């Protein structure tokens, strides 16, 4: 009887803890505000520091305009057709280049992860390619493809694919052998083993590799658009180059802000994907 009473008290205590934890879950608005206010504070501090530097007279205002001047130019830029034409061209290049890099990186990563000969031959080479600055590829790309879309595509793929491949390799390496044995015992072989066992287990590392690969692809694309100016083709990078050649400091900073915001938006998408995966795996609360 005493044992039964102790068990009942333990269960009721655990239930009370669970109910209490559920009651402490903040609402959606509170969670949004908790995630937003640090970013808004950081933005306000950055703007304040920027304005203080302008007030200090370190550089003349035609070289370093203040936040208000840049905000006015950014508003004019956002309502002009130049921004949207540039976004269309840059977005197409980013989508095509990153898509090709994903295909190459996934296939290469899976092959190197599962074939010992390929790992011995290419494993360290992939890491070396990842550490190589993407801008260093442009002299070769221009020699091979001249000032063309192919030169930019070439460097974007080479800049992003190694990071994606490394993400796949590390993800596959950390799949527990017990899962592989269980999958094989249940009849998973060949492609089914990859589809139902290896890919889901390696997915967090693959997403991390995709996120890093996008960062390299975006940097490579911006460097390419600054260096490879194609006639009759506007883009965000080309507009930044023209603004610099015209000594239009407000427009230079406005274009840089657009580039930064685009990078933040894509990073937000990858962060949401990562959180969704962790929530599905039970690593985050579903609240």
C-alpha atoms as a PDB file:
ATOM      1  CA  UNK A   1       0.000   0.000   0.000  1.00  0.00           C
ATOM      2  CA  UNK A   2       2.828   2.386   0.892  1.00  0.00           C
ATOM      3  CA  UNK A   3       4.537   1.647  -2.428  1.00  0.00           C
ATOM      4  CA  UNK A   4       1.320   2.260  -4.366  1.00  0.00           C
ATOM      5  CA  UNK A   5       0.786   5.553  -2.511  1.00  0.00           C
ATOM      6  CA  UNK A   6       4.387   6.637  -3.266  1.00  0.00           C
ATOM      7  CA  UNK A   7       3.949   5.828  -6.960  1.00  0.00           C
ATOM      8  CA  UNK A   8       0.676   7.755  -7.082  1.00  0.00           C
ATOM      9  CA  UNK A   9       2.263  10.765  -5.401  1.00  0.00           C
ATOM     10  CA  UNK A  10       5.187  10.656  -7.853  1.00  0.00           C
ATOM     11  CA  UNK A  11       2.885  10.528 -10.882  1.00  0.00           C
ATOM     12  CA  UNK A  12       0.720  13.352  -9.577  1.00  0.00           C
ATOM     13  CA  UNK A  13       3.853  15.407  -8.897  1.00  0.00           C
ATOM     14  CA  UNK A  14       5.101  14.869 -12.448  1.00  0.00           C
ATOM     15  CA  UNK A  15       1.672  15.798 -13.810  1.00  0.00           C
ATOM     16  CA  UNK A  16       1.750  19.001 -11.773  1.00  0.00           C
ATOM     17  CA  UNK A  17       5.192  19.859 -13.150  1.00  0.00           C
ATOM     18  CA  UNK A  18       3.985  19.236 -16.697  1.00  0.00           C
ATOM     19  CA  UNK A  19       0.903  21.401 -16.192  1.00  0.00           C
ATOM     20  CA  UNK A  20       3.026  24.162 -14.670  1.00  0.00           C
ATOM     21  CA  UNK A  21       5.468  24.082 -17.577  1.00  0.00           C
ATOM     22  CA  UNK A  22       2.586  24.280 -20.034  1.00  0.00           C
ATOM     23  CA  UNK A  23       1.162  27.263 -18.195  1.00  0.00           C
ATOM     24  CA  UNK A  24       4.481  29.096 -18.480  1.00  0.00           C
ATOM     25  CA  UNK A  25       4.611  28.845 -22.287  1.00  0.00           C
ATOM     26  CA  UNK A  26       4.504  32.439 -23.605  1.00  0.00           C
ATOM     27  CA  UNK A  27       2.067  33.494 -26.279  1.00  0.00           C
ATOM     28  CA  UNK A  28       2.948  33.988 -29.922  1.00  0.00           C
ATOM     29  CA  UNK A  29       3.097  37.752 -29.567  1.00  0.00           C
ATOM     30  CA  UNK A  30       5.491  37.487 -26.619  1.00  0.00           C
ATOM     31  CA  UNK A  31       7.750  35.123 -28.543  1.00  0.00           C
ATOM     32  CA  UNK A  32       7.813  37.435 -31.569  1.00  0.00           C
ATOM     33  CA  UNK A  33       8.634  40.426 -29.392  1.00  0.00           C
ATOM     34  CA  UNK A  34      11.337  38.479 -27.531  1.00  0.00           C
ATOM     35  CA  UNK A  35      12.967  37.634 -30.858  1.00  0.00           C
ATOM     36  CA  UNK A  36      12.513  41.128 -32.317  1.00  0.00           C
ATOM     37  CA  UNK A  37      13.550  43.591 -29.628  1.00  0.00           C
ATOM     38  CA  UNK A  38      17.255  42.555 -29.527  1.00  0.00           C
ATOM     39  CA  UNK A  39      17.472  43.088 -33.304  1.00  0.00           C
ATOM     40  CA  UNK A  40      15.742  46.465 -33.077  1.00  0.00           C
ATOM     41  CA  UNK A  41      18.053  47.491 -30.254  1.00  0.00           C
ATOM     42  CA  UNK A  42      21.130  46.472 -32.236  1.00  0.00           C
ATOM     43  CA  UNK A  43      19.839  48.393 -35.264  1.00  0.00           C
ATOM     44  CA  UNK A  44      19.211  51.503 -33.182  1.00  0.00           C
ATOM     45  CA  UNK A  45      22.688  51.341 -31.657  1.00  0.00           C
ATOM     46  CA  UNK A  46      24.255  50.872 -35.117  1.00  0.00           C
ATOM     47  CA  UNK A  47      22.369  53.905 -36.484  1.00  0.00           C
ATOM     48  CA  UNK A  48      23.370  55.957 -33.456  1.00  0.00           C
ATOM     49  CA  UNK A  49      27.031  55.011 -33.851  1.00  0.00           C
ATOM     50  CA  UNK A  50      26.851  55.826 -37.555  1.00  0.00           C
ATOM     51  CA  UNK A  51      25.377  59.266 -36.837  1.00  0.00           C
ATOM     52  CA  UNK A  52      27.981  59.959 -34.143  1.00  0.00           C
ATOM     53  CA  UNK A  53      30.771  59.203 -36.631  1.00  0.00           C
ATOM     54  CA  UNK A  54      29.161  61.594 -39.132  1.00  0.00           C
ATOM     55  CA  UNK A  55      28.872  64.318 -36.463  1.00  0.00           C
ATOM     56  CA  UNK A  56      32.533  63.824 -35.548  1.00  0.00           C
ATOM     57  CA  UNK A  57      33.566  65.126 -38.974  1.00  0.00           C
ATOM     58  CA  UNK A  58      35.886  62.166 -39.580  1.00  0.00           C
ATOM     59  CA  UNK A  59      34.960  62.247 -43.267  1.00  0.00           C
ATOM     60  CA  UNK A  60      33.107  64.915 -45.274  1.00  0.00           C
ATOM     61  CA  UNK A  61      29.399  64.254 -45.715  1.00  0.00           C
ATOM     62  CA  UNK A  62      29.691  63.730 -49.470  1.00  0.00           C
ATOM     63  CA  UNK A  63      31.911  60.712 -48.675  1.00  0.00           C
ATOM     64  CA  UNK A  64      30.067  59.485 -45.571  1.00  0.00           C
ATOM     65  CA  UNK A  65      26.461  60.699 -45.501  1.00  0.00           C
ATOM     66  CA  UNK A  66      24.292  60.344 -42.429  1.00  0.00           C
ATOM     67  CA  UNK A  67      21.424  57.881 -41.879  1.00  0.00           C
ATOM     68  CA  UNK A  68      18.745  60.447 -42.807  1.00  0.00           C
ATOM     69  CA  UNK A  69      20.365  61.249 -46.160  1.00  0.00           C
ATOM     70  CA  UNK A  70      20.783  57.557 -46.957  1.00  0.00           C
ATOM     71  CA  UNK A  71      17.192  56.805 -45.900  1.00  0.00           C
ATOM     72  CA  UNK A  72      15.888  59.389 -48.374  1.00  0.00           C
ATOM     73  CA  UNK A  73      18.014  57.926 -51.166  1.00  0.00           C
ATOM     74  CA  UNK A  74      17.003  54.388 -50.226  1.00  0.00           C
ATOM     75  CA  UNK A  75      13.347  55.355 -50.441  1.00  0.00           C
ATOM     76  CA  UNK A  76      13.876  56.847 -53.910  1.00  0.00           C
ATOM     77  CA  UNK A  77      15.869  53.770 -54.928  1.00  0.00           C
ATOM     78  CA  UNK A  78      13.173  51.394 -53.673  1.00  0.00           C
ATOM     79  CA  UNK A  79      10.486  53.162 -55.705  1.00  0.00           C
ATOM     80  CA  UNK A  80      12.543  53.202 -58.904  1.00  0.00           C
ATOM     81  CA  UNK A  81      12.602  50.569 -61.605  1.00  0.00           C
ATOM     82  CA  UNK A  82      16.380  50.215 -61.328  1.00  0.00           C
ATOM     83  CA  UNK A  83      16.176  48.344 -58.031  1.00  0.00           C
ATOM     84  CA  UNK A  84      13.654  45.798 -59.278  1.00  0.00           C
ATOM     85  CA  UNK A  85      15.466  45.260 -62.564  1.00  0.00           C
ATOM     86  CA  UNK A  86      18.664  44.669 -60.637  1.00  0.00           C
ATOM     87  CA  UNK A  87      16.934  42.322 -58.200  1.00  0.00           C
ATOM     88  CA  UNK A  88      15.510  40.316 -61.091  1.00  0.00           C
ATOM     89  CA  UNK A  89      18.898  39.823 -62.723  1.00  0.00           C
ATOM     90  CA  UNK A  90      20.734  39.119 -59.471  1.00  0.00           C
ATOM     91  CA  UNK A  91      17.965  36.821 -58.237  1.00  0.00           C
ATOM     92  CA  UNK A  92      18.054  34.749 -61.411  1.00  0.00           C
ATOM     93  CA  UNK A  93      21.816  34.377 -61.194  1.00  0.00           C
ATOM     94  CA  UNK A  94      21.620  33.436 -57.523  1.00  0.00           C
ATOM     95  CA  UNK A  95      18.878  30.854 -58.068  1.00  0.00           C
ATOM     96  CA  UNK A  96      20.562  29.195 -61.044  1.00  0.00           C
ATOM     97  CA  UNK A  97      24.044  29.242 -59.547  1.00  0.00           C
ATOM     98  CA  UNK A  98      22.996  28.052 -56.101  1.00  0.00           C
ATOM     99  CA  UNK A  99      20.713  25.391 -57.590  1.00  0.00           C
ATOM    100  CA  UNK A 100      23.596  23.990 -59.645  1.00  0.00           C
ATOM    101  CA  UNK A 101      25.881  24.152 -56.595  1.00  0.00           C
ATOM    102  CA  UNK A 102      23.321  22.217 -54.524  1.00  0.00           C
ATOM    103  CA  UNK A 103      23.102  19.483 -57.165  1.00  0.00           C
ATOM    104  CA  UNK A 104      26.882  19.207 -57.474  1.00  0.00           C
ATOM    105  CA  UNK A 105      27.475  19.421 -53.728  1.00  0.00           C
ATOM    106  CA  UNK A 106      24.868  16.804 -52.792  1.00  0.00           C
ATOM    107  CA  UNK A 107      26.044  14.286 -55.376  1.00  0.00           C
ATOM    108  CA  UNK A 108      29.723  14.856 -54.623  1.00  0.00           C
ATOM    109  CA  UNK A 109      29.169  14.730 -50.875  1.00  0.00           C
ATOM    110  CA  UNK A 110      27.209  11.481 -50.997  1.00  0.00           C
ATOM    111  CA  UNK A 111      29.764   9.870 -53.295  1.00  0.00           C
ATOM    112  CA  UNK A 112      32.742  10.889 -51.151  1.00  0.00           C
ATOM    113  CA  UNK A 113      30.973   9.921 -47.923  1.00  0.00           C
ATOM    114  CA  UNK A 114      30.194   6.373 -49.078  1.00  0.00           C
ATOM    115  CA  UNK A 115      33.125   5.477 -51.382  1.00  0.00           C
ATOM    116  CA  UNK A 116      36.438   5.109 -49.568  1.00  0.00           C
ATOM    117  CA  UNK A 117      38.550   5.611 -52.685  1.00  0.00           C
ATOM    118  CA  UNK A 118      36.839   8.918 -53.460  1.00  0.00           C
ATOM    119  CA  UNK A 119      37.229  10.055 -49.857  1.00  0.00           C
ATOM    120  CA  UNK A 120      40.956   9.318 -49.963  1.00  0.00           C
ATOM    121  CA  UNK A 121      41.307  11.102 -53.317  1.00  0.00           C
ATOM    122  CA  UNK A 122      38.965  14.092 -52.877  1.00  0.00           C
ATOM    123  CA  UNK A 123      38.220  14.541 -49.167  1.00  0.00           C
ATOM    124  CA  UNK A 124      40.994  17.014 -48.392  1.00  0.00           C
ATOM    125  CA  UNK A 125      40.655  18.654 -51.825  1.00  0.00           C
ATOM    126  CA  UNK A 126      37.037  19.604 -51.106  1.00  0.00           C
ATOM    127  CA  UNK A 127      38.088  21.315 -47.870  1.00  0.00           C
ATOM    128  CA  UNK A 128      40.901  23.103 -49.692  1.00  0.00           C
ATOM    129  CA  UNK A 129      38.464  24.366 -52.320  1.00  0.00           C
ATOM    130  CA  UNK A 130      36.125  25.568 -49.578  1.00  0.00           C
ATOM    131  CA  UNK A 131      38.864  27.644 -47.959  1.00  0.00           C
ATOM    132  CA  UNK A 132      39.953  29.204 -51.253  1.00  0.00           C
ATOM    133  CA  UNK A 133      38.594  32.766 -51.673  1.00  0.00           C
ATOM    134  CA  UNK A 134      36.029  32.819 -54.454  1.00  0.00           C
ATOM    135  CA  UNK A 135      37.430  36.024 -55.894  1.00  0.00           C
ATOM    136  CA  UNK A 136      40.638  34.140 -56.688  1.00  0.00           C
ATOM    137  CA  UNK A 137      38.718  32.117 -59.291  1.00  0.00           C
ATOM    138  CA  UNK A 138      37.735  35.138 -61.356  1.00  0.00           C
ATOM    139  CA  UNK A 139      40.976  35.584 -63.323  1.00  0.00           C
ATOM    140  CA  UNK A 140      40.659  32.001 -64.546  1.00  0.00           C
ATOM    141  CA  UNK A 141      36.912  32.368 -65.116  1.00  0.00           C
ATOM    142  CA  UNK A 142      37.430  35.498 -67.229  1.00  0.00           C
ATOM    143  CA  UNK A 143      40.154  33.757 -69.258  1.00  0.00           C
ATOM    144  CA  UNK A 144      37.865  30.800 -69.880  1.00  0.00           C
ATOM    145  CA  UNK A 145      34.546  32.570 -70.442  1.00  0.00           C
ATOM    146  CA  UNK A 146      35.449  36.252 -70.928  1.00  0.00           C
ATOM    147  CA  UNK A 147      33.128  38.847 -69.356  1.00  0.00           C
ATOM    148  CA  UNK A 148      29.991  36.726 -69.507  1.00  0.00           C
ATOM    149  CA  UNK A 149      27.264  35.111 -67.450  1.00  0.00           C
ATOM    150  CA  UNK A 150      29.180  31.838 -67.634  1.00  0.00           C
ATOM    151  CA  UNK A 151      32.126  33.378 -65.759  1.00  0.00           C
ATOM    152  CA  UNK A 152      29.878  34.412 -62.867  1.00  0.00           C
ATOM    153  CA  UNK A 153      28.090  31.044 -62.869  1.00  0.00           C
ATOM    154  CA  UNK A 154      31.421  29.209 -62.825  1.00  0.00           C
ATOM    155  CA  UNK A 155      32.637  31.042 -59.710  1.00  0.00           C
ATOM    156  CA  UNK A 156      29.301  30.833 -57.864  1.00  0.00           C
ATOM    157  CA  UNK A 157      29.211  27.051 -58.262  1.00  0.00           C
ATOM    158  CA  UNK A 158      32.855  26.630 -57.253  1.00  0.00           C
ATOM    159  CA  UNK A 159      32.315  28.914 -54.275  1.00  0.00           C
ATOM    160  CA  UNK A 160      29.253  27.123 -52.890  1.00  0.00           C
ATOM    161  CA  UNK A 161      29.508  23.447 -53.872  1.00  0.00           C
ATOM    162  CA  UNK A 162      32.444  22.500 -51.572  1.00  0.00           C
ATOM    163  CA  UNK A 163      30.626  23.805 -48.475  1.00  0.00           C
ATOM    164  CA  UNK A 164      27.491  21.857 -49.377  1.00  0.00           C
ATOM    165  CA  UNK A 165      29.521  18.726 -50.076  1.00  0.00           C
ATOM    166  CA  UNK A 166      31.296  19.014 -46.715  1.00  0.00           C
ATOM    167  CA  UNK A 167      27.944  19.389 -44.969  1.00  0.00           C
ATOM    168  CA  UNK A 168      26.708  16.182 -46.592  1.00  0.00           C
ATOM    169  CA  UNK A 169      29.923  14.331 -45.754  1.00  0.00           C
ATOM    170  CA  UNK A 170      29.824  15.327 -42.086  1.00  0.00           C
ATOM    171  CA  UNK A 171      26.115  14.531 -41.875  1.00  0.00           C
ATOM    172  CA  UNK A 172      26.568  11.041 -43.299  1.00  0.00           C
ATOM    173  CA  UNK A 173      29.631  10.411 -41.114  1.00  0.00           C
ATOM    174  CA  UNK A 174      27.604  11.096 -37.970  1.00  0.00           C
ATOM    175  CA  UNK A 175      24.701   8.794 -38.802  1.00  0.00           C
ATOM    176  CA  UNK A 176      24.722   6.238 -35.964  1.00  0.00           C
ATOM    177  CA  UNK A 177      25.729   2.762 -37.205  1.00  0.00           C
ATOM    178  CA  UNK A 178      22.830   1.355 -35.202  1.00  0.00           C
ATOM    179  CA  UNK A 179      20.394   3.190 -37.491  1.00  0.00           C
ATOM    180  CA  UNK A 180      22.098   1.754 -40.566  1.00  0.00           C
ATOM    181  CA  UNK A 181      21.922  -1.779 -39.179  1.00  0.00           C
ATOM    182  CA  UNK A 182      18.283  -1.312 -38.197  1.00  0.00           C
ATOM    183  CA  UNK A 183      17.453   0.004 -41.656  1.00  0.00           C
ATOM    184  CA  UNK A 184      19.156  -2.918 -43.366  1.00  0.00           C
ATOM    185  CA  UNK A 185      17.401  -5.409 -41.069  1.00  0.00           C
ATOM    186  CA  UNK A 186      14.081  -3.838 -42.086  1.00  0.00           C
ATOM    187  CA  UNK A 187      14.905  -4.302 -45.751  1.00  0.00           C
ATOM    188  CA  UNK A 188      16.288  -0.882 -46.688  1.00  0.00           C
ATOM    189  CA  UNK A 189      18.949  -1.302 -49.346  1.00  0.00           C
ATOM    190  CA  UNK A 190      20.553   0.946 -51.927  1.00  0.00           C
ATOM    191  CA  UNK A 191      18.548   4.086 -52.635  1.00  0.00           C
ATOM    192  CA  UNK A 192      15.924   3.196 -50.032  1.00  0.00           C
ATOM    193  CA  UNK A 193      18.616   3.179 -47.351  1.00  0.00           C
ATOM    194  CA  UNK A 194      19.587   6.704 -48.344  1.00  0.00           C
ATOM    195  CA  UNK A 195      15.989   7.861 -48.673  1.00  0.00           C
ATOM    196  CA  UNK A 196      14.582   6.495 -45.428  1.00  0.00           C
ATOM    197  CA  UNK A 197      17.619   6.256 -43.102  1.00  0.00           C
ATOM    198  CA  UNK A 198      20.703   8.226 -44.106  1.00  0.00           C
ATOM    199  CA  UNK A 199      19.053  11.371 -45.521  1.00  0.00           C
ATOM    200  CA  UNK A 200      16.712  11.987 -42.542  1.00  0.00           C
ATOM    201  CA  UNK A 201      19.494  11.331 -40.024  1.00  0.00           C
ATOM    202  CA  UNK A 202      21.957  13.590 -41.845  1.00  0.00           C
ATOM    203  CA  UNK A 203      19.407  16.322 -42.593  1.00  0.00           C
ATOM    204  CA  UNK A 204      20.490  18.807 -39.868  1.00  0.00           C
ATOM    205  CA  UNK A 205      24.092  18.770 -41.084  1.00  0.00           C
ATOM    206  CA  UNK A 206      22.950  18.988 -44.710  1.00  0.00           C
ATOM    207  CA  UNK A 207      20.829  22.063 -43.939  1.00  0.00           C
ATOM    208  CA  UNK A 208      23.797  23.633 -42.141  1.00  0.00           C
ATOM    209  CA  UNK A 209      25.918  22.938 -45.225  1.00  0.00           C
ATOM    210  CA  UNK A 210      23.272  24.470 -47.480  1.00  0.00           C
ATOM    211  CA  UNK A 211      23.165  27.575 -45.303  1.00  0.00           C
ATOM    212  CA  UNK A 212      26.934  27.953 -45.435  1.00  0.00           C
ATOM    213  CA  UNK A 213      26.915  27.194 -49.153  1.00  0.00           C
ATOM    214  CA  UNK A 214      24.391  29.973 -49.736  1.00  0.00           C
ATOM    215  CA  UNK A 215      26.636  32.417 -47.880  1.00  0.00           C
ATOM    216  CA  UNK A 216      29.551  31.493 -50.151  1.00  0.00           C
ATOM    217  CA  UNK A 217      27.342  31.640 -53.247  1.00  0.00           C
ATOM    218  CA  UNK A 218      26.030  35.104 -52.334  1.00  0.00           C
ATOM    219  CA  UNK A 219      29.526  36.426 -51.682  1.00  0.00           C
ATOM    220  CA  UNK A 220      30.786  34.931 -54.948  1.00  0.00           C
ATOM    221  CA  UNK A 221      27.877  36.420 -56.870  1.00  0.00           C
ATOM    222  CA  UNK A 222      28.400  39.906 -55.461  1.00  0.00           C
ATOM    223  CA  UNK A 223      32.121  39.738 -56.220  1.00  0.00           C
ATOM    224  CA  UNK A 224      31.312  38.558 -59.736  1.00  0.00           C
ATOM    225  CA  UNK A 225      28.861  41.356 -60.412  1.00  0.00           C
ATOM    226  CA  UNK A 226      31.404  43.904 -59.220  1.00  0.00           C
ATOM    227  CA  UNK A 227      34.177  42.503 -61.403  1.00  0.00           C
ATOM    228  CA  UNK A 228      32.302  41.185 -64.442  1.00  0.00           C
ATOM    229  CA  UNK A 229      30.266  44.058 -65.827  1.00  0.00           C
ATOM    230  CA  UNK A 230      28.172  42.756 -68.730  1.00  0.00           C
ATOM    231  CA  UNK A 231      26.864  45.248 -71.258  1.00  0.00           C
ATOM    232  CA  UNK A 232      23.084  45.727 -71.426  1.00  0.00           C
ATOM    233  CA  UNK A 233      22.657  43.795 -68.162  1.00  0.00           C
ATOM    234  CA  UNK A 234      21.904  45.596 -64.911  1.00  0.00           C
ATOM    235  CA  UNK A 235      22.229  43.961 -61.519  1.00  0.00           C
ATOM    236  CA  UNK A 236      22.678  44.904 -57.889  1.00  0.00           C
ATOM    237  CA  UNK A 237      26.449  44.588 -58.134  1.00  0.00           C
ATOM    238  CA  UNK A 238      26.630  46.622 -61.333  1.00  0.00           C
ATOM    239  CA  UNK A 239      24.541  49.380 -59.767  1.00  0.00           C
ATOM    240  CA  UNK A 240      26.932  49.423 -56.808  1.00  0.00           C
ATOM    241  CA  UNK A 241      29.869  49.769 -59.206  1.00  0.00           C
ATOM    242  CA  UNK A 242      28.226  52.626 -61.115  1.00  0.00           C
ATOM    243  CA  UNK A 243      27.383  54.455 -57.879  1.00  0.00           C
ATOM    244  CA  UNK A 244      30.992  54.171 -56.736  1.00  0.00           C
ATOM    245  CA  UNK A 245      32.304  55.443 -60.107  1.00  0.00           C
ATOM    246  CA  UNK A 246      29.955  58.439 -59.843  1.00  0.00           C
ATOM    247  CA  UNK A 247      31.007  59.080 -56.223  1.00  0.00           C
ATOM    248  CA  UNK A 248      27.348  58.786 -55.206  1.00  0.00           C
ATOM    249  CA  UNK A 249      27.898  57.814 -51.565  1.00  0.00           C
ATOM    250  CA  UNK A 250      24.189  57.703 -50.552  1.00  0.00           C
ATOM    251  CA  UNK A 251      23.434  55.306 -53.413  1.00  0.00           C
ATOM    252  CA  UNK A 252      26.481  53.172 -52.588  1.00  0.00           C
ATOM    253  CA  UNK A 253      25.258  52.715 -49.026  1.00  0.00           C
ATOM    254  CA  UNK A 254      21.660  52.192 -50.192  1.00  0.00           C
ATOM    255  CA  UNK A 255      22.709  49.340 -52.484  1.00  0.00           C
ATOM    256  CA  UNK A 256      24.815  47.852 -49.703  1.00  0.00           C
ATOM    257  CA  UNK A 257      21.778  47.930 -47.399  1.00  0.00           C
ATOM    258  CA  UNK A 258      19.738  46.097 -50.058  1.00  0.00           C
ATOM    259  CA  UNK A 259      22.449  43.425 -50.318  1.00  0.00           C
ATOM    260  CA  UNK A 260      22.505  43.075 -46.528  1.00  0.00           C
ATOM    261  CA  UNK A 261      18.716  42.774 -46.264  1.00  0.00           C
ATOM    262  CA  UNK A 262      18.580  40.121 -48.986  1.00  0.00           C
ATOM    263  CA  UNK A 263      21.219  38.103 -47.147  1.00  0.00           C
ATOM    264  CA  UNK A 264      19.294  38.418 -43.877  1.00  0.00           C
ATOM    265  CA  UNK A 265      16.033  37.276 -45.501  1.00  0.00           C
ATOM    266  CA  UNK A 266      17.611  34.149 -46.941  1.00  0.00           C
ATOM    267  CA  UNK A 267      19.332  33.444 -43.620  1.00  0.00           C
ATOM    268  CA  UNK A 268      15.913  33.740 -41.954  1.00  0.00           C
ATOM    269  CA  UNK A 269      14.535  31.066 -44.290  1.00  0.00           C
ATOM    270  CA  UNK A 270      17.367  28.682 -43.421  1.00  0.00           C
ATOM    271  CA  UNK A 271      16.910  29.411 -39.713  1.00  0.00           C
ATOM    272  CA  UNK A 272      13.206  28.574 -39.950  1.00  0.00           C
ATOM    273  CA  UNK A 273      14.019  25.339 -41.775  1.00  0.00           C
ATOM    274  CA  UNK A 274      16.550  24.414 -39.093  1.00  0.00           C
ATOM    275  CA  UNK A 275      14.065  25.142 -36.305  1.00  0.00           C
ATOM    276  CA  UNK A 276      11.393  23.083 -38.066  1.00  0.00           C
ATOM    277  CA  UNK A 277      13.768  20.124 -38.283  1.00  0.00           C
ATOM    278  CA  UNK A 278      14.782  20.396 -34.635  1.00  0.00           C
ATOM    279  CA  UNK A 279      11.151  20.718 -33.585  1.00  0.00           C
ATOM    280  CA  UNK A 280      10.264  17.619 -35.604  1.00  0.00           C
ATOM    281  CA  UNK A 281      13.038  15.750 -33.838  1.00  0.00           C
ATOM    282  CA  UNK A 282      11.780  16.854 -30.438  1.00  0.00           C
ATOM    283  CA  UNK A 283      14.733  19.170 -29.751  1.00  0.00           C
ATOM    284  CA  UNK A 284      12.439  22.220 -29.442  1.00  0.00           C
ATOM    285  CA  UNK A 285       9.081  22.778 -27.803  1.00  0.00           C
ATOM    286  CA  UNK A 286       6.112  22.779 -30.155  1.00  0.00           C
ATOM    287  CA  UNK A 287       4.631  25.826 -28.518  1.00  0.00           C
END
